[in-house]
Amino acid sequence: MHEAHIVEAMVKQVLEKAAASGAKKITAVTLAMGEQCGFDEGCVRLYFENFTENTPAAGAKLIFKPVAQKLTCRKCGNDFERKGSDLNCPVCCSMGFLNRTGKEFYVENIEIES
């Protein structure tokens, strides 16, 4: 349920950007969504459909672009993608720590008809 306010704000932003571009219809919205953002894709999709009802974005295709979680090696500073439960750096085998990559949730692209 915590997705509701975020998706509502995102829809408002999409509608404002489209209106500023002179769009008559929004046909697709691409969202970058990190593996660790904590949002459920099904909930985001449901809220998107509800909040876009009776707007120029009604019926727009919602596209999710996954963003992999990354770690940073404590020893050599290498950034790398987490592979399952393995937290070890592929360069030096030292343990990595979670960085902010993979927690994203933002609008990457809006497709419109003018």
C-alpha atoms as a PDB file:
ATOM      1  CA  MET A   1       0.000   0.000   0.000  1.00  0.00           C
ATOM      2  CA  HIS A   2       2.954   2.367   0.441  1.00  0.00           C
ATOM      3  CA  GLU A   3       3.164   2.469  -3.356  1.00  0.00           C
ATOM      4  CA  ALA A   4      -0.092   4.446  -3.616  1.00  0.00           C
ATOM      5  CA  HIS A   5       1.275   7.900  -2.722  1.00  0.00           C
ATOM      6  CA  ILE A   6       4.421   7.441  -4.805  1.00  0.00           C
ATOM      7  CA  VAL A   7       2.473   6.257  -7.868  1.00  0.00           C
ATOM      8  CA  GLU A   8      -0.061   9.072  -7.447  1.00  0.00           C
ATOM      9  CA  ALA A   9       2.773  11.639  -7.431  1.00  0.00           C
ATOM     10  CA  MET A  10       4.420   9.915 -10.399  1.00  0.00           C
ATOM     11  CA  VAL A  11       1.167  10.017 -12.411  1.00  0.00           C
ATOM     12  CA  LYS A  12       0.767  13.710 -11.586  1.00  0.00           C
ATOM     13  CA  GLN A  13       4.319  14.348 -12.820  1.00  0.00           C
ATOM     14  CA  VAL A  14       3.695  12.364 -16.032  1.00  0.00           C
ATOM     15  CA  LEU A  15       0.477  14.266 -16.749  1.00  0.00           C
ATOM     16  CA  GLU A  16       2.162  17.633 -16.141  1.00  0.00           C
ATOM     17  CA  LYS A  17       5.119  16.800 -18.414  1.00  0.00           C
ATOM     18  CA  ALA A  18       2.815  15.527 -21.158  1.00  0.00           C
ATOM     19  CA  ALA A  19       0.564  18.594 -20.946  1.00  0.00           C
ATOM     20  CA  ALA A  20       3.612  20.875 -21.168  1.00  0.00           C
ATOM     21  CA  SER A  21       4.587  19.022 -24.365  1.00  0.00           C
ATOM     22  CA  GLY A  22       1.138  19.505 -25.881  1.00  0.00           C
ATOM     23  CA  ALA A  23       0.249  15.812 -25.678  1.00  0.00           C
ATOM     24  CA  LYS A  24      -3.278  14.701 -26.410  1.00  0.00           C
ATOM     25  CA  LYS A  25      -2.646  11.132 -25.278  1.00  0.00           C
ATOM     26  CA  ILE A  26       0.013   9.296 -23.298  1.00  0.00           C
ATOM     27  CA  THR A  27       0.607   5.910 -24.913  1.00  0.00           C
ATOM     28  CA  ALA A  28       3.374   4.461 -22.723  1.00  0.00           C
ATOM     29  CA  VAL A  29       5.340   5.193 -19.565  1.00  0.00           C
ATOM     30  CA  THR A  30       8.668   3.516 -18.794  1.00  0.00           C
ATOM     31  CA  LEU A  31       9.615   3.215 -15.135  1.00  0.00           C
ATOM     32  CA  ALA A  32      13.094   2.399 -13.861  1.00  0.00           C
ATOM     33  CA  MET A  33      12.525   0.173 -10.838  1.00  0.00           C
ATOM     34  CA  GLY A  34      15.375  -1.090  -8.686  1.00  0.00           C
ATOM     35  CA  GLU A  35      15.353  -4.637  -7.361  1.00  0.00           C
ATOM     36  CA  GLN A  36      15.516  -3.279  -3.820  1.00  0.00           C
ATOM     37  CA  CYS A  37      13.102  -0.332  -4.059  1.00  0.00           C
ATOM     38  CA  GLY A  38      10.541  -2.291  -2.086  1.00  0.00           C
ATOM     39  CA  PHE A  39       7.665  -1.833  -4.525  1.00  0.00           C
ATOM     40  CA  ASP A  40       5.549  -4.605  -5.953  1.00  0.00           C
ATOM     41  CA  GLU A  41       5.158  -4.386  -9.733  1.00  0.00           C
ATOM     42  CA  GLY A  42       1.561  -5.606  -9.574  1.00  0.00           C
ATOM     43  CA  CYS A  43       0.612  -2.930  -7.025  1.00  0.00           C
ATOM     44  CA  VAL A  44       2.333  -0.206  -9.043  1.00  0.00           C
ATOM     45  CA  ARG A  45       0.459  -1.333 -12.148  1.00  0.00           C
ATOM     46  CA  LEU A  46      -2.900  -1.384 -10.304  1.00  0.00           C
ATOM     47  CA  TYR A  47      -2.402   2.079  -8.785  1.00  0.00           C
ATOM     48  CA  PHE A  48      -1.221   3.424 -12.147  1.00  0.00           C
ATOM     49  CA  GLU A  49      -4.410   2.172 -13.803  1.00  0.00           C
ATOM     50  CA  ASN A  50      -6.565   3.674 -11.029  1.00  0.00           C
ATOM     51  CA  PHE A  51      -4.840   7.069 -10.963  1.00  0.00           C
ATOM     52  CA  THR A  52      -4.811   7.442 -14.763  1.00  0.00           C
ATOM     53  CA  GLU A  53      -8.508   6.642 -15.184  1.00  0.00           C
ATOM     54  CA  ASN A  54     -10.271   9.424 -17.131  1.00  0.00           C
ATOM     55  CA  THR A  55      -6.969  11.172 -17.929  1.00  0.00           C
ATOM     56  CA  PRO A  56      -4.864  11.382 -21.122  1.00  0.00           C
ATOM     57  CA  ALA A  57      -2.811   8.492 -19.670  1.00  0.00           C
ATOM     58  CA  ALA A  58      -5.772   6.103 -19.407  1.00  0.00           C
ATOM     59  CA  GLY A  59      -4.860   2.831 -21.099  1.00  0.00           C
ATOM     60  CA  ALA A  60      -1.178   3.752 -21.419  1.00  0.00           C
ATOM     61  CA  LYS A  61       1.243   0.848 -21.520  1.00  0.00           C
ATOM     62  CA  LEU A  62       3.329   0.666 -18.340  1.00  0.00           C
ATOM     63  CA  ILE A  63       6.840  -0.649 -19.000  1.00  0.00           C
ATOM     64  CA  PHE A  64       9.153  -1.666 -16.170  1.00  0.00           C
ATOM     65  CA  LYS A  65      12.898  -1.398 -16.663  1.00  0.00           C
ATOM     66  CA  PRO A  66      14.580  -3.365 -13.871  1.00  0.00           C
ATOM     67  CA  VAL A  67      17.689  -1.911 -12.220  1.00  0.00           C
ATOM     68  CA  ALA A  68      19.983  -4.530 -10.712  1.00  0.00           C
ATOM     69  CA  GLN A  69      21.239  -4.187  -7.180  1.00  0.00           C
ATOM     70  CA  LYS A  70      24.936  -3.358  -6.985  1.00  0.00           C
ATOM     71  CA  LEU A  71      27.563  -3.671  -4.318  1.00  0.00           C
ATOM     72  CA  THR A  72      30.852  -1.878  -3.758  1.00  0.00           C
ATOM     73  CA  CYS A  73      33.946  -3.780  -2.667  1.00  0.00           C
ATOM     74  CA  ARG A  74      35.338  -2.638   0.681  1.00  0.00           C
ATOM     75  CA  LYS A  75      38.898  -3.478  -0.395  1.00  0.00           C
ATOM     76  CA  CYS A  76      39.334  -2.438  -4.039  1.00  0.00           C
ATOM     77  CA  GLY A  77      36.282  -0.160  -4.557  1.00  0.00           C
ATOM     78  CA  ASN A  78      34.956  -2.159  -7.522  1.00  0.00           C
ATOM     79  CA  ASP A  79      31.212  -1.814  -8.173  1.00  0.00           C
ATOM     80  CA  PHE A  80      29.560  -5.106  -9.136  1.00  0.00           C
ATOM     81  CA  GLU A  81      26.149  -6.744  -9.445  1.00  0.00           C
ATOM     82  CA  ARG A  82      25.041  -9.087  -6.733  1.00  0.00           C
ATOM     83  CA  LYS A  83      24.779 -12.708  -7.899  1.00  0.00           C
ATOM     84  CA  GLY A  84      22.236 -14.489  -5.705  1.00  0.00           C
ATOM     85  CA  SER A  85      23.517 -14.525  -2.134  1.00  0.00           C
ATOM     86  CA  ASP A  86      27.179 -14.004  -3.165  1.00  0.00           C
ATOM     87  CA  LEU A  87      28.428 -10.671  -1.801  1.00  0.00           C
ATOM     88  CA  ASN A  88      32.065 -11.196  -2.827  1.00  0.00           C
ATOM     89  CA  CYS A  89      33.865  -8.961  -5.313  1.00  0.00           C
ATOM     90  CA  PRO A  90      34.668 -10.734  -8.603  1.00  0.00           C
ATOM     91  CA  VAL A  91      37.996  -8.854  -8.771  1.00  0.00           C
ATOM     92  CA  CYS A  92      39.550  -9.426  -5.325  1.00  0.00           C
ATOM     93  CA  CYS A  93      37.031 -11.746  -3.573  1.00  0.00           C
ATOM     94  CA  SER A  94      36.580  -9.358  -0.625  1.00  0.00           C
ATOM     95  CA  MET A  95      33.089  -8.784   0.729  1.00  0.00           C
ATOM     96  CA  GLY A  96      31.126  -5.942  -0.816  1.00  0.00           C
ATOM     97  CA  PHE A  97      28.520  -3.698   0.764  1.00  0.00           C
ATOM     98  CA  LEU A  98      25.212  -2.581  -0.692  1.00  0.00           C
ATOM     99  CA  ASN A  99      25.303   0.803  -2.343  1.00  0.00           C
ATOM    100  CA  ARG A 100      22.299   2.859  -3.449  1.00  0.00           C
ATOM    101  CA  THR A 101      22.047   1.280  -6.904  1.00  0.00           C
ATOM    102  CA  GLY A 102      18.980  -0.945  -7.071  1.00  0.00           C
ATOM    103  CA  LYS A 103      16.714   1.294  -4.987  1.00  0.00           C
ATOM    104  CA  GLU A 104      15.627   3.525  -7.872  1.00  0.00           C
ATOM    105  CA  PHE A 105      12.063   4.284  -8.834  1.00  0.00           C
ATOM    106  CA  TYR A 106      11.575   6.999 -11.425  1.00  0.00           C
ATOM    107  CA  VAL A 107       9.980   7.798 -14.782  1.00  0.00           C
ATOM    108  CA  GLU A 108      12.516   7.149 -17.493  1.00  0.00           C
ATOM    109  CA  ASN A 109      10.402   7.854 -20.573  1.00  0.00           C
ATOM    110  CA  ILE A 110       6.946   9.043 -21.603  1.00  0.00           C
ATOM    111  CA  GLU A 111       5.548   8.259 -25.049  1.00  0.00           C
ATOM    112  CA  ILE A 112       2.868  10.639 -26.291  1.00  0.00           C
ATOM    113  CA  GLU A 113       0.605  11.420 -29.219  1.00  0.00           C
ATOM    114  CA  SER A 114       0.315  15.103 -30.080  1.00  0.00           C
END
